[in-house]
Amino acid sequence: MLPTDRETGRPRGFGFVEFASDEAAEAAISKFHNFEHRGRNLRVNEAEERPPGAPGGGGGGGFGRSFGAPDQGRRPPRPKGSRRNIRGRKRGL
């Protein structure tokens, strides 16, 4: 799987591969770690779980929780075109 940038759709420069066995994964790591491809050295290693509380990937909208996370007592943000926001802009607030 090649994760892509949400805005440009271009690959983000890393990928994930699943192997049928641990032996096949070890063989691929041994063969391709530090292998030069198109002028760049590949870093090939086993994926690791993120520790609890580690920052996630990009995005999230700046509301302090990831998309789809359960609400934790926070009020949802107001829609950008709410009446209150429009009135505030008209008054110069």
Protein backbone atom coordinates (compact mmCIF):
# COMPACT_ATOMS: atom_id res chain seq x y z
CA MET A 1 0.00 0.00 0.00
CA LEU A 2 1.35 3.45 -0.90
CA PRO A 3 -0.12 6.24 1.23
CA THR A 4 -0.78 9.37 -0.80
CA ASP A 5 -0.96 13.05 0.06
CA ARG A 6 -4.60 14.10 0.50
CA GLU A 7 -4.18 17.37 -1.37
CA THR A 8 -1.91 16.39 -4.28
CA GLY A 9 -2.66 12.66 -4.58
CA ARG A 10 1.08 12.00 -4.94
CA PRO A 11 2.80 9.19 -2.99
CA ARG A 12 4.19 10.29 0.40
CA GLY A 13 7.49 8.43 -0.01
CA PHE A 14 6.84 5.27 1.97
CA GLY A 15 4.76 2.14 1.68
CA PHE A 16 3.66 -1.04 3.42
CA VAL A 17 4.09 -4.61 2.22
CA GLU A 18 2.59 -7.75 3.77
CA PHE A 19 4.40 -11.08 3.51
CA ALA A 20 3.06 -14.62 3.77
CA SER A 21 5.66 -15.57 6.37
CA ASP A 22 8.15 -14.08 8.80
CA GLU A 23 10.96 -15.75 6.85
CA ALA A 24 9.94 -13.98 3.63
CA ALA A 25 9.79 -10.64 5.44
CA GLU A 26 13.26 -11.16 6.97
CA ALA A 27 14.67 -12.08 3.54
CA ALA A 28 13.25 -8.90 2.00
CA ILE A 29 14.60 -6.75 4.84
CA SER A 30 18.06 -8.33 4.48
CA LYS A 31 18.08 -7.91 0.70
CA PHE A 32 16.59 -4.42 0.32
CA HIS A 33 17.59 -2.43 3.43
CA ASN A 34 20.02 0.29 2.22
CA PHE A 35 19.43 -0.84 -1.39
CA GLU A 36 19.93 2.06 -3.82
CA HIS A 37 16.86 2.79 -5.97
CA ARG A 38 16.74 5.80 -8.31
CA GLY A 39 19.62 7.44 -6.48
CA ARG A 40 18.16 6.98 -2.99
CA ASN A 41 18.87 4.38 -0.31
CA LEU A 42 15.82 2.43 0.79
CA ARG A 43 15.09 1.97 4.48
CA VAL A 44 13.33 -1.35 4.90
CA ASN A 45 12.21 -2.48 8.34
CA GLU A 46 9.38 -4.15 10.20
CA ALA A 47 6.44 -1.88 11.02
CA GLU A 48 6.06 -0.96 14.68
CA GLU A 49 2.99 0.03 16.67
CA ARG A 50 2.84 3.67 17.66
CA PRO A 51 3.18 4.15 21.40
CA PRO A 52 0.05 5.48 23.16
CA GLY A 53 -0.10 9.27 23.02
CA ALA A 54 2.28 9.51 20.07
CA PRO A 55 1.34 12.15 17.54
CA GLY A 56 -0.49 10.75 14.56
CA GLY A 57 -0.17 11.65 10.93
CA GLY A 58 -1.22 14.98 9.47
CA GLY A 59 -4.73 16.31 9.23
CA GLY A 60 -7.17 16.18 12.10
CA GLY A 61 -8.51 19.67 11.45
CA GLY A 62 -6.87 21.21 14.52
CA PHE A 63 -9.66 20.28 16.93
CA GLY A 64 -7.46 18.16 19.20
CA ARG A 65 -8.83 14.79 18.12
CA SER A 66 -8.59 12.66 15.04
CA PHE A 67 -11.38 12.35 12.51
CA GLY A 68 -14.02 9.91 13.65
CA ALA A 69 -12.84 9.81 17.27
CA PRO A 70 -15.62 9.72 19.85
CA ASP A 71 -16.69 13.06 21.24
CA GLN A 72 -15.11 13.68 24.62
CA GLY A 73 -17.42 16.34 26.01
CA ARG A 74 -16.29 19.03 23.59
CA ARG A 75 -18.79 21.17 21.73
CA PRO A 76 -18.67 20.65 17.98
CA PRO A 77 -17.22 23.57 16.01
CA ARG A 78 -19.69 26.02 14.50
CA PRO A 79 -20.20 25.79 10.75
CA LYS A 80 -18.12 28.36 8.87
CA GLY A 81 -21.20 30.07 7.48
CA SER A 82 -23.16 30.31 10.72
CA ARG A 83 -25.30 33.42 11.30
CA ARG A 84 -23.20 34.46 14.28
CA ASN A 85 -20.00 34.45 12.22
CA ILE A 86 -21.59 36.42 9.40
CA ARG A 87 -22.95 39.06 11.77
CA GLY A 88 -19.58 39.34 13.50
CA ARG A 89 -17.82 39.96 10.21
CA LYS A 90 -20.33 42.63 9.15
CA ARG A 91 -19.73 44.54 12.38
CA GLY A 92 -15.98 44.26 11.97
CA LEU A 93 -15.57 42.10 15.09
